[in-house]
Amino acid sequence: MSKRNEIPILRLGETYRSMDQVELDLGEKGTLVTHTANPGLIRRDLLQIGKAKAALDAIPAETLADYCEEAAGLFLEGDLECGVESGDDAGTGAGGRGCGGGLETHAPVIQSPQDYVESLSALTRLPHTLVRMNMGKIHSAMSEIRTVIGGLTRKMPLEIFDKGLTRDGDLTINYFPTTTSLGVSLPSNAPAVNSLWIPAPVMKIPVLLKPGREDPFTPLRIVQAMIAAGFPKEAFGYYPTTHEGGDTLLTSCGRGISFGSDVTVKKYAPYPSISVHGTGRSKILIGEDMIDRWEEFVDVMVQSISANGGRSCINTSAILVPRHREKIAEAVAKRLAEIEPLARDDENALLCGFANPAMAEGIDGMISSQLKGEGAEDVTARFRKGELKVEAFEQTYLCPTLVSCTDRDHALANTEFMFPYASIVEMPQAEMVGSIGATLVVSAFTEDEGFIEELLLSADIERLNIGPYPTNRVQWEQPHEGNLFEFLYRRRAIQGDTAGLA
């Protein structure tokens, strides 16, 4: 009898097998089956969320932080349970729909770190090098959880999550949770975005997770590491589900986080309880005072565009310069063109294939069409050995691309794609801040105090790097995007004698 690996639903700590299933091809590693949660099941589980919150409330936040630090090592190096193994003819078994969570007849699948790397690579087409890099980022977020939460709370003590109170001199400060649940709809393209929800259980907020279709492994591995380290299993829900199920999870939880395109942002805009992490359109701005030193910054620009296979919202998608556009474009494009497709298990691989080749076809066609007119040139085409779209190692790749725009309003001048892509545009420094639009990260290469003040006061910039730093640089003491603490907790004015409480 042939075997297959199955990942069941995790219903606030209890495993559950569904009749609705999705099969995914793991290549040489076989077939993966994810069990699909329907919207009604998610709603029913949320009726029990009070028990999950109580389980977290019973544990001091300092202890939860200890658990998270221990879980970091388990995530990175441990062998963790990741579903069950069963025969093709096993049916739904004891844990089928309506039968609760019984999985007695199915042997658990124990996933080693290498199993995780190989399986995630097979589904997402991330090379092994980038999977390991993302593992490192998640491990860092978990092991530095006190630093992360300190950055979110402006260094308030963790007891704020136990008592709701802390003191700052003579001032008593009270924060209270705005929700008993956080629903998170995750993407498949960047495993490290899971770092954004990791502080929530330490802040005593249960999490309900919808994994991306091609990445069911990362959130589950984090959850299993946290449970193994001591977190109560009731604090976690894991729900592979449909778009309808994802909508239910986000709108039914007290707070929700979603990742997606501009369409996703527009979809959830009417819901103030949902925070959407959309297109980043991150940028490098080089000031007048540093532009003549541009050759010093080529490495930083290349890293900003190409790190993590260009798949992150913090990758640079546009470079704005007051002059030297053509020279900079040529130097950066030449370096980008050196990044070529390699096999996923090659230690030098930096470029990701596309899990859905049709997406690569569509992007290739869009860029080619928009380059036919005037106002933009693909400078990397001068140095590439082949076309933008390449079939290699049984995968479809899009090669790194830098487009030089003489027309700042060109369609390719301020857009973002899921591969190493950026534009470079020339304009006066005085016009840069007013032209960038909503931008997740700006790295401003300048020491001009007036320019820096203008950047600091801009409402369009989510995160600002002052100096020649890559846009993908992350500091755990600073919120990456938004502030999870302020999203989950609210400050309340308080008067009276609280000396014995705080």
Protein backbone atom coordinates (compact mmCIF):
# COMPACT_ATOMS: atom_id res chain seq x y z
CA MET A 1 0.00 0.00 0.00
CA SER A 2 1.43 3.38 -0.95
CA LYS A 3 1.85 6.01 1.74
CA ARG A 4 1.02 9.66 1.87
CA ASN A 5 1.62 12.39 4.41
CA GLU A 6 -1.37 14.27 5.75
CA ILE A 7 -1.60 17.52 7.68
CA PRO A 8 -4.85 17.64 9.65
CA ILE A 9 -6.57 20.72 11.01
CA LEU A 10 -5.54 21.85 14.48
CA ARG A 11 -8.69 22.98 16.28
CA LEU A 12 -7.36 24.96 19.23
CA GLY A 13 -4.92 22.21 20.01
CA GLU A 14 -6.95 19.20 18.89
CA THR A 15 -6.22 17.46 15.58
CA TYR A 16 -9.12 16.91 13.19
CA ARG A 17 -9.38 15.19 9.81
CA SER A 18 -11.74 16.53 7.19
CA MET A 19 -13.34 14.91 4.15
CA ASP A 20 -12.36 18.05 2.21
CA GLN A 21 -8.71 17.70 1.25
CA VAL A 22 -6.11 19.22 -1.07
CA GLU A 23 -3.29 17.16 -2.59
CA LEU A 24 0.09 18.76 -3.19
CA ASP A 25 3.03 17.28 -5.07
CA LEU A 26 6.24 17.04 -3.06
CA GLY A 27 8.16 15.55 -5.96
CA GLU A 28 10.49 12.77 -4.80
CA LYS A 29 9.10 13.10 -1.27
CA GLY A 30 5.66 11.95 -2.41
CA THR A 31 2.25 13.49 -1.87
CA LEU A 32 1.10 15.88 0.83
CA VAL A 33 -2.58 16.10 1.75
CA THR A 34 -3.82 19.10 3.70
CA HIS A 35 -7.21 18.83 5.38
CA THR A 36 -9.50 21.77 4.67
CA ALA A 37 -11.51 23.58 7.34
CA ASN A 38 -14.92 24.92 6.34
CA PRO A 39 -16.16 28.33 7.58
CA GLY A 40 -18.67 26.79 9.97
CA LEU A 41 -15.95 24.80 11.75
CA ILE A 42 -13.91 27.99 12.27
CA ARG A 43 -16.94 29.81 13.69
CA ARG A 44 -17.69 26.92 16.05
CA ASP A 45 -14.12 26.86 17.34
CA LEU A 46 -14.23 30.58 18.08
CA LEU A 47 -17.09 29.91 20.50
CA GLN A 48 -14.44 28.18 22.65
CA ILE A 49 -11.82 30.92 22.37
CA GLY A 50 -12.35 31.99 25.98
CA LYS A 51 -10.77 28.72 27.14
CA ALA A 52 -7.75 29.37 24.94
CA LYS A 53 -7.35 32.88 26.35
CA ALA A 54 -7.70 31.57 29.91
CA ALA A 55 -4.96 29.00 29.28
CA LEU A 56 -2.55 31.77 28.29
CA ASP A 57 -3.68 34.10 31.08
CA ALA A 58 -2.80 31.43 33.63
CA ILE A 59 0.91 31.60 32.71
CA PRO A 60 3.10 34.62 33.55
CA ALA A 61 4.27 36.51 30.47
CA GLU A 62 7.90 36.10 31.58
CA THR A 63 7.40 32.34 31.46
CA LEU A 64 5.77 32.55 28.02
CA ALA A 65 8.80 34.54 26.82
CA ASP A 66 11.04 31.76 28.19
CA TYR A 67 8.95 29.21 26.28
CA CYS A 68 9.31 31.24 23.08
CA GLU A 69 13.08 31.40 23.44
CA GLU A 70 13.21 27.63 23.95
CA ALA A 71 10.90 27.12 20.97
CA ALA A 72 13.36 29.05 18.79
CA GLY A 73 15.93 26.28 19.14
CA LEU A 74 13.33 23.57 18.56
CA PHE A 75 12.11 25.29 15.39
CA LEU A 76 15.63 25.60 13.99
CA GLU A 77 17.15 22.29 15.06
CA GLY A 78 14.45 20.00 16.46
CA ASP A 79 12.57 17.02 15.09
CA LEU A 80 8.91 18.05 15.33
CA GLU A 81 5.59 16.42 14.57
CA CYS A 82 4.19 17.50 11.22
CA GLY A 83 1.01 15.63 10.44
CA VAL A 84 0.45 11.89 10.04
CA GLU A 85 1.30 9.15 7.60
CA SER A 86 -1.46 6.95 6.20
CA GLY A 87 -2.28 4.72 3.22
CA ASP A 88 -4.15 5.97 0.17
CA ASP A 89 -7.12 3.83 1.14
CA ALA A 90 -7.24 5.03 4.74
CA GLY A 91 -10.32 7.19 4.13
CA THR A 92 -11.11 9.69 6.83
CA GLY A 93 -10.52 7.22 9.63
CA ALA A 94 -11.42 7.77 13.22
CA GLY A 95 -10.89 11.48 12.94
CA GLY A 96 -13.08 12.12 9.89
CA ARG A 97 -15.67 14.84 9.60
CA GLY A 98 -17.94 14.89 12.61
CA CYS A 99 -15.71 12.42 14.47
CA GLY A 100 -13.58 14.86 16.41
CA GLY A 101 -9.82 14.64 16.45
CA GLY A 102 -8.99 10.94 16.69
CA LEU A 103 -5.88 9.97 14.74
CA GLU A 104 -5.01 6.81 16.66
CA THR A 105 -4.53 4.62 13.60
CA HIS A 106 -2.14 6.99 11.85
CA ALA A 107 1.57 7.20 12.64
CA PRO A 108 2.85 10.73 13.27
CA VAL A 109 5.24 12.21 10.73
CA ILE A 110 8.34 13.55 12.47
CA GLN A 111 9.91 16.36 10.49
CA SER A 112 13.62 17.07 10.81
CA PRO A 113 15.02 20.50 9.87
CA GLN A 114 16.32 19.02 6.60
CA ASP A 115 12.91 17.48 5.87
CA TYR A 116 11.39 20.92 6.37
CA VAL A 117 13.90 22.55 4.02
CA GLU A 118 13.40 19.98 1.26
CA SER A 119 9.60 19.84 1.55
CA LEU A 120 9.11 23.61 1.63
CA SER A 121 11.48 24.02 -1.31
CA ALA A 122 9.51 21.44 -3.30
CA LEU A 123 6.26 23.36 -2.81
CA THR A 124 7.38 27.00 -3.00
CA ARG A 125 10.39 26.60 -5.34
CA LEU A 126 12.52 28.54 -2.88
CA PRO A 127 16.10 27.21 -3.07
CA HIS A 128 17.39 25.48 0.04
CA THR A 129 19.68 28.43 0.79
CA LEU A 130 16.73 30.82 1.05
CA VAL A 131 14.62 28.42 3.10
CA ARG A 132 17.46 28.22 5.61
CA MET A 133 17.84 32.01 5.56
CA ASN A 134 14.12 32.39 6.36
CA MET A 135 14.49 29.79 9.11
CA GLY A 136 17.23 31.93 10.58
CA LYS A 137 15.03 35.02 10.56
CA ILE A 138 12.20 33.19 12.33
CA HIS A 139 14.63 31.73 14.87
CA SER A 140 16.00 35.21 15.51
CA ALA A 141 12.51 36.66 16.06
CA MET A 142 11.68 33.88 18.53
CA SER A 143 14.99 33.90 20.40
CA GLU A 144 14.92 37.72 20.61
CA ILE A 145 11.27 37.86 21.67
CA ARG A 146 11.97 40.13 24.65
CA THR A 147 13.73 42.60 22.37
CA VAL A 148 10.90 42.39 19.83
CA ILE A 149 8.18 43.02 22.40
CA GLY A 150 10.28 45.72 24.03
CA GLY A 151 10.38 47.52 20.69
CA LEU A 152 6.61 47.17 20.29
CA THR A 153 5.77 48.36 23.82
CA ARG A 154 8.53 50.96 24.11
CA LYS A 155 10.26 48.80 26.74
CA MET A 156 7.37 48.34 29.12
CA PRO A 157 7.86 45.32 31.41
CA LEU A 158 6.19 42.06 30.40
CA GLU A 159 4.01 42.26 33.52
CA ILE A 160 1.78 44.62 31.55
CA PHE A 161 0.28 41.44 30.03
CA ASP A 162 -0.27 39.90 33.48
CA LYS A 163 -1.77 42.79 35.44
CA GLY A 164 -2.63 45.33 32.76
CA LEU A 165 -0.69 47.87 34.82
CA THR A 166 2.80 49.26 35.07
CA ARG A 167 4.28 52.44 36.46
CA ASP A 168 6.38 55.21 34.92
CA GLY A 169 7.49 57.31 37.84
CA ASP A 170 4.33 58.61 39.50
CA LEU A 171 2.21 57.70 36.49
CA THR A 172 0.18 54.48 36.45
CA ILE A 173 -0.23 53.07 32.94
CA ASN A 174 -3.07 50.69 32.08
CA TYR A 175 -3.35 48.64 28.89
CA PHE A 176 -6.09 46.13 28.16
CA PRO A 177 -6.54 43.57 25.34
CA THR A 178 -8.89 44.61 22.56
CA THR A 179 -9.50 41.00 21.51
CA THR A 180 -9.35 37.39 22.63
CA SER A 181 -8.16 36.12 19.24
CA LEU A 182 -5.87 37.03 16.35
CA GLY A 183 -6.62 35.50 12.95
CA VAL A 184 -3.76 35.47 10.43
CA SER A 185 -4.06 34.65 6.73
CA LEU A 186 -0.52 33.86 5.61
CA PRO A 187 1.16 33.94 2.17
CA SER A 188 3.34 31.27 0.57
CA ASN A 189 6.10 33.41 -0.89
CA ALA A 190 8.06 34.46 2.21
CA PRO A 191 8.19 32.11 5.23
CA ALA A 192 9.76 34.75 7.48
CA VAL A 193 6.55 36.83 7.53
CA ASN A 194 5.43 34.36 10.21
CA SER A 195 7.67 36.39 12.51
CA LEU A 196 4.96 39.05 12.66
CA TRP A 197 2.43 36.94 14.60
CA ILE A 198 4.93 35.20 16.91
CA PRO A 199 4.72 37.83 19.72
CA ALA A 200 0.93 37.40 20.04
CA PRO A 201 0.90 34.24 22.22
CA VAL A 202 3.51 35.82 24.51
CA MET A 203 1.15 38.80 24.74
CA LYS A 204 -1.52 36.25 25.79
CA ILE A 205 -3.59 36.45 22.60
CA PRO A 206 -4.52 33.07 20.99
CA VAL A 207 -3.77 32.80 17.27
CA LEU A 208 -5.77 31.15 14.48
CA LEU A 209 -3.63 30.61 11.39
CA LYS A 210 -4.58 30.05 7.76
CA PRO A 211 -1.39 28.81 6.04
CA GLY A 212 -0.57 29.70 2.45
CA ARG A 213 -1.42 26.91 0.03
CA GLU A 214 2.23 26.26 -0.87
CA ASP A 215 3.54 26.76 2.66
CA PRO A 216 1.59 24.63 5.12
CA PHE A 217 4.83 23.74 6.91
CA THR A 218 6.23 26.96 8.40
CA PRO A 219 3.35 28.05 10.66
CA LEU A 220 2.74 24.45 11.76
CA ARG A 221 6.41 23.93 12.61
CA ILE A 222 6.40 27.14 14.69
CA VAL A 223 3.23 26.07 16.50
CA GLN A 224 4.57 22.60 17.25
CA ALA A 225 7.83 24.10 18.56
CA MET A 226 5.89 26.45 20.83
CA ILE A 227 3.68 23.67 22.18
CA ALA A 228 6.72 21.44 22.77
CA ALA A 229 8.37 24.30 24.68
CA GLY A 230 5.42 24.69 27.05
CA PHE A 231 2.76 26.89 25.46
CA PRO A 232 -0.78 25.54 26.05
CA LYS A 233 -1.94 23.78 22.89
CA GLU A 234 -5.35 25.47 23.19
CA ALA A 235 -3.70 28.77 22.23
CA PHE A 236 -3.22 27.71 18.60
CA GLY A 237 -5.54 27.03 15.70
CA TYR A 238 -4.24 25.86 12.32
CA TYR A 239 -6.80 25.97 9.53
CA PRO A 240 -5.88 25.19 5.90
CA THR A 241 -8.99 26.54 4.21
CA THR A 242 -10.55 28.18 1.17
CA HIS A 243 -10.81 31.89 0.37
CA GLU A 244 -14.23 31.86 2.01
CA GLY A 245 -12.75 30.20 5.08
CA GLY A 246 -9.98 32.80 5.15
CA ASP A 247 -12.56 35.60 5.05
CA THR A 248 -14.42 33.94 7.92
CA LEU A 249 -11.27 33.59 10.00
CA LEU A 250 -10.30 37.24 9.51
CA THR A 251 -13.74 38.75 10.05
CA SER A 252 -14.77 36.48 12.94
CA CYS A 253 -11.63 36.92 15.05
CA GLY A 254 -11.44 40.10 17.08
CA ARG A 255 -8.34 41.13 15.16
CA GLY A 256 -6.99 39.90 11.83
CA ILE A 257 -3.84 40.18 9.74
CA SER A 258 -3.74 39.41 6.02
CA PHE A 259 -1.03 39.51 3.38
CA GLY A 260 -1.67 40.16 -0.30
CA SER A 261 -1.85 42.48 -3.26
CA ASP A 262 -3.57 45.83 -3.75
CA VAL A 263 -6.75 43.83 -4.37
CA THR A 264 -6.48 42.33 -0.88
CA VAL A 265 -5.93 45.77 0.63
CA LYS A 266 -9.05 47.09 -1.07
CA LYS A 267 -11.08 44.02 -0.07
CA TYR A 268 -10.47 44.43 3.65
CA ALA A 269 -10.30 48.23 3.77
CA PRO A 270 -13.84 48.48 5.27
CA TYR A 271 -12.75 46.36 8.27
CA PRO A 272 -10.77 48.38 10.85
CA SER A 273 -10.16 45.16 12.80
CA ILE A 274 -8.11 43.73 9.91
CA SER A 275 -4.56 44.89 9.20
CA VAL A 276 -3.48 44.20 5.62
CA HIS A 277 0.16 43.89 4.67
CA GLY A 278 -0.03 44.68 0.98
CA THR A 279 2.40 45.59 -1.75
CA GLY A 280 5.54 47.15 -0.25
CA ARG A 281 6.84 49.27 -3.13
CA SER A 282 9.97 49.85 -1.03
CA LYS A 283 12.44 52.39 -2.36
CA ILE A 284 15.96 53.75 -2.26
CA LEU A 285 16.29 57.55 -2.43
CA ILE A 286 19.77 58.96 -3.00
CA GLY A 287 20.16 62.60 -1.97
CA GLU A 288 22.05 65.37 -3.74
CA ASP A 289 24.76 65.24 -1.07
CA MET A 290 25.61 61.59 -1.77
CA ILE A 291 24.71 60.97 -5.40
CA ASP A 292 28.26 61.58 -6.66
CA ARG A 293 29.38 58.70 -4.39
CA TRP A 294 26.93 56.27 -6.03
CA GLU A 295 29.64 53.70 -6.82
CA GLU A 296 30.01 53.07 -3.06
CA PHE A 297 26.38 51.94 -2.87
CA VAL A 298 26.12 49.43 -5.72
CA ASP A 299 26.39 46.44 -3.35
CA VAL A 300 23.62 47.82 -1.15
CA MET A 301 21.34 48.42 -4.13
CA VAL A 302 21.91 44.93 -5.53
CA GLN A 303 21.24 43.34 -2.13
CA SER A 304 18.09 45.41 -1.62
CA ILE A 305 16.68 44.25 -4.95
CA SER A 306 17.75 40.59 -4.93
CA ALA A 307 17.74 39.38 -1.30
CA ASN A 308 15.34 36.50 -0.56
CA GLY A 309 14.88 35.98 -4.28
CA GLY A 310 13.19 39.39 -4.57
CA ARG A 311 10.02 37.93 -3.00
CA SER A 312 9.69 40.21 0.02
CA CYS A 313 7.71 43.41 0.39
CA ILE A 314 10.90 44.96 1.81
CA ASN A 315 12.85 44.34 -1.40
CA THR A 316 13.58 47.54 -3.30
CA SER A 317 11.24 48.05 -6.24
CA ALA A 318 12.37 51.57 -7.24
CA ILE A 319 15.49 53.72 -6.99
CA LEU A 320 15.13 57.51 -7.19
CA VAL A 321 18.20 59.59 -8.04
CA PRO A 322 18.77 63.27 -8.89
CA ARG A 323 21.35 62.40 -11.61
CA HIS A 324 23.69 59.63 -12.90
CA ARG A 325 20.69 57.42 -13.70
CA GLU A 326 22.27 55.79 -16.75
CA LYS A 327 25.60 55.02 -15.04
CA ILE A 328 23.92 53.62 -11.93
CA ALA A 329 21.47 51.57 -13.99
CA GLU A 330 24.27 49.99 -15.99
CA ALA A 331 26.38 49.14 -12.92
CA VAL A 332 23.49 47.65 -10.94
CA ALA A 333 22.04 45.81 -13.95
CA LYS A 334 25.38 44.20 -14.73
CA ARG A 335 25.56 42.80 -11.19
CA LEU A 336 21.96 41.62 -11.19
CA ALA A 337 22.46 39.81 -14.49
CA GLU A 338 25.13 37.66 -12.81
CA ILE A 339 22.40 36.04 -10.68
CA GLU A 340 21.33 33.05 -12.76
CA PRO A 341 18.98 30.10 -12.17
CA LEU A 342 20.53 27.19 -10.30
CA ALA A 343 19.14 23.94 -8.94
CA ARG A 344 17.19 24.34 -5.70
CA ASP A 345 19.74 22.31 -3.72
CA ASP A 346 22.73 24.24 -5.09
CA GLU A 347 24.55 26.03 -2.25
CA ASN A 348 24.94 29.10 -4.46
CA ALA A 349 21.28 29.35 -5.53
CA LEU A 350 19.77 32.80 -5.01
CA LEU A 351 16.89 32.80 -7.49
CA CYS A 352 13.47 31.25 -6.92
CA GLY A 353 11.41 29.36 -9.44
CA PHE A 354 7.66 29.91 -9.69
CA ALA A 355 5.37 27.31 -8.15
CA ASN A 356 2.76 28.44 -10.68
CA PRO A 357 4.44 28.82 -14.11
CA ALA A 358 1.37 30.70 -15.39
CA MET A 359 2.21 33.55 -13.02
CA ALA A 360 5.69 33.83 -14.51
CA GLU A 361 4.18 33.78 -18.02
CA GLY A 362 1.83 36.61 -17.07
CA ILE A 363 4.53 38.79 -15.54
CA ASP A 364 6.86 38.22 -18.48
CA GLY A 365 4.11 39.18 -20.91
CA MET A 366 3.18 42.29 -18.92
CA ILE A 367 6.75 43.59 -18.71
CA SER A 368 7.48 42.81 -22.37
CA SER A 369 4.32 44.62 -23.46
CA GLN A 370 5.05 47.71 -21.37
CA LEU A 371 8.61 47.93 -22.67
CA LYS A 372 7.47 48.22 -26.28
CA GLY A 373 6.70 51.91 -26.02
CA GLU A 374 8.99 54.78 -25.10
CA GLY A 375 10.11 55.85 -21.65
CA ALA A 376 11.61 52.63 -20.26
CA GLU A 377 14.44 50.20 -21.03
CA ASP A 378 15.33 46.84 -19.51
CA VAL A 379 19.02 47.51 -18.85
CA THR A 380 19.67 43.97 -17.59
CA ALA A 381 18.84 42.72 -21.10
CA ARG A 382 22.22 44.09 -22.21
CA PHE A 383 24.03 41.65 -19.92
CA ARG A 384 21.74 38.61 -19.65
CA LYS A 385 22.70 35.40 -21.42
CA GLY A 386 19.08 34.68 -22.30
CA GLU A 387 15.53 35.98 -22.01
CA LEU A 388 13.77 37.32 -18.93
CA LYS A 389 11.80 34.07 -18.55
CA VAL A 390 13.91 30.92 -18.40
CA GLU A 391 13.03 27.23 -18.17
CA ALA A 392 15.75 25.43 -16.22
CA PHE A 393 16.11 22.64 -13.66
CA GLU A 394 12.49 21.62 -14.30
CA GLN A 395 11.28 25.03 -13.14
CA THR A 396 10.25 28.40 -14.55
CA TYR A 397 12.34 31.40 -13.52
CA LEU A 398 12.21 35.14 -14.10
CA CYS A 399 15.71 36.58 -14.17
CA PRO A 400 16.59 39.75 -12.20
CA THR A 401 15.48 42.87 -14.03
CA LEU A 402 16.32 46.57 -13.72
CA VAL A 403 14.28 48.97 -15.83
CA SER A 404 15.58 52.50 -16.41
CA CYS A 405 12.71 54.97 -16.85
CA THR A 406 13.04 58.32 -18.53
CA ASP A 407 9.33 58.80 -17.90
CA ARG A 408 8.67 58.90 -14.14
CA ASP A 409 4.99 58.13 -14.80
CA HIS A 410 5.73 54.99 -16.80
CA ALA A 411 3.77 51.91 -15.71
CA LEU A 412 7.03 50.14 -14.80
CA ALA A 413 8.39 53.03 -12.71
CA ASN A 414 6.50 52.26 -9.49
CA THR A 415 5.41 48.65 -9.48
CA GLU A 416 6.38 45.44 -7.72
CA PHE A 417 6.75 41.85 -8.87
CA MET A 418 7.55 38.59 -7.05
CA PHE A 419 11.12 38.31 -8.33
CA PRO A 420 14.18 40.62 -8.27
CA TYR A 421 12.75 43.62 -10.10
CA ALA A 422 13.32 47.36 -9.73
CA SER A 423 13.09 50.55 -11.71
CA ILE A 424 15.42 53.55 -11.57
CA VAL A 425 14.06 57.04 -12.14
CA GLU A 426 15.75 60.44 -12.21
CA MET A 427 14.12 63.47 -10.55
CA PRO A 428 15.13 66.46 -8.40
CA GLN A 429 15.54 65.68 -4.71
CA ALA A 430 12.86 68.24 -3.87
CA GLU A 431 10.28 66.17 -5.76
CA MET A 432 11.14 62.73 -4.38
CA VAL A 433 9.09 62.58 -1.18
CA GLY A 434 6.00 63.93 -2.92
CA SER A 435 6.25 61.29 -5.66
CA ILE A 436 6.82 58.04 -3.77
CA GLY A 437 3.25 57.24 -2.70
CA ALA A 438 2.56 54.63 -0.02
CA THR A 439 5.89 52.91 0.66
CA LEU A 440 6.71 50.21 3.20
CA VAL A 441 10.44 50.96 3.47
CA VAL A 442 12.51 53.92 2.32
CA SER A 443 16.29 53.81 2.57
CA ALA A 444 17.44 57.40 2.15
CA PHE A 445 21.12 57.77 1.35
CA THR A 446 21.64 61.29 2.69
CA GLU A 447 22.97 63.41 5.53
CA ASP A 448 20.98 66.49 4.46
CA GLU A 449 19.07 67.55 7.59
CA GLY A 450 16.34 69.31 5.62
CA PHE A 451 15.76 66.25 3.43
CA ILE A 452 15.76 63.99 6.50
CA GLU A 453 13.16 66.18 8.25
CA GLU A 454 10.95 66.00 5.16
CA LEU A 455 11.24 62.21 5.19
CA LEU A 456 10.51 61.99 8.93
CA LEU A 457 7.28 63.95 8.50
CA SER A 458 6.04 61.97 5.48
CA ALA A 459 2.86 59.98 6.11
CA ASP A 460 3.64 57.73 3.12
CA ILE A 461 6.64 55.95 4.70
CA GLU A 462 6.06 53.00 7.04
CA ARG A 463 9.72 52.40 7.91
CA LEU A 464 12.67 54.72 7.33
CA ASN A 465 16.37 53.88 7.07
CA ILE A 466 18.60 56.96 7.10
CA GLY A 467 21.93 56.16 5.48
CA PRO A 468 23.11 53.57 2.95
CA TYR A 469 21.25 50.61 4.45
CA PRO A 470 19.51 47.95 2.35
CA THR A 471 15.73 48.12 2.45
CA ASN A 472 15.57 44.47 3.58
CA ARG A 473 17.48 45.24 6.80
CA VAL A 474 15.38 44.27 9.84
CA GLN A 475 16.03 45.37 13.43
CA TRP A 476 14.00 43.43 16.00
CA GLU A 477 13.81 46.38 18.38
CA GLN A 478 11.85 48.29 15.74
CA PRO A 479 8.39 47.25 14.45
CA HIS A 480 8.64 45.80 10.94
CA GLU A 481 5.25 46.95 9.69
CA GLY A 482 2.67 48.43 11.99
CA ASN A 483 2.73 47.73 15.71
CA LEU A 484 1.23 44.44 16.86
CA PHE A 485 1.01 45.55 20.49
CA GLU A 486 -0.98 48.66 19.63
CA PHE A 487 -3.15 46.52 17.34
CA LEU A 488 -3.97 44.02 20.10
CA TYR A 489 -3.94 46.31 23.15
CA ARG A 490 -5.35 49.74 23.97
CA ARG A 491 -4.33 52.23 26.60
CA ARG A 492 -6.94 53.38 29.10
CA ALA A 493 -6.96 56.50 31.26
CA ILE A 494 -6.94 55.49 34.92
CA GLN A 495 -7.22 57.40 38.19
CA GLY A 496 -7.30 56.26 41.79
CA ASP A 497 -5.12 54.36 44.22
CA THR A 498 -3.35 51.61 42.26
CA ALA A 499 -0.11 51.63 44.25
CA GLY A 500 -0.73 48.13 45.56
CA LEU A 501 -1.45 46.72 42.13
CA ALA A 502 1.28 48.15 39.88
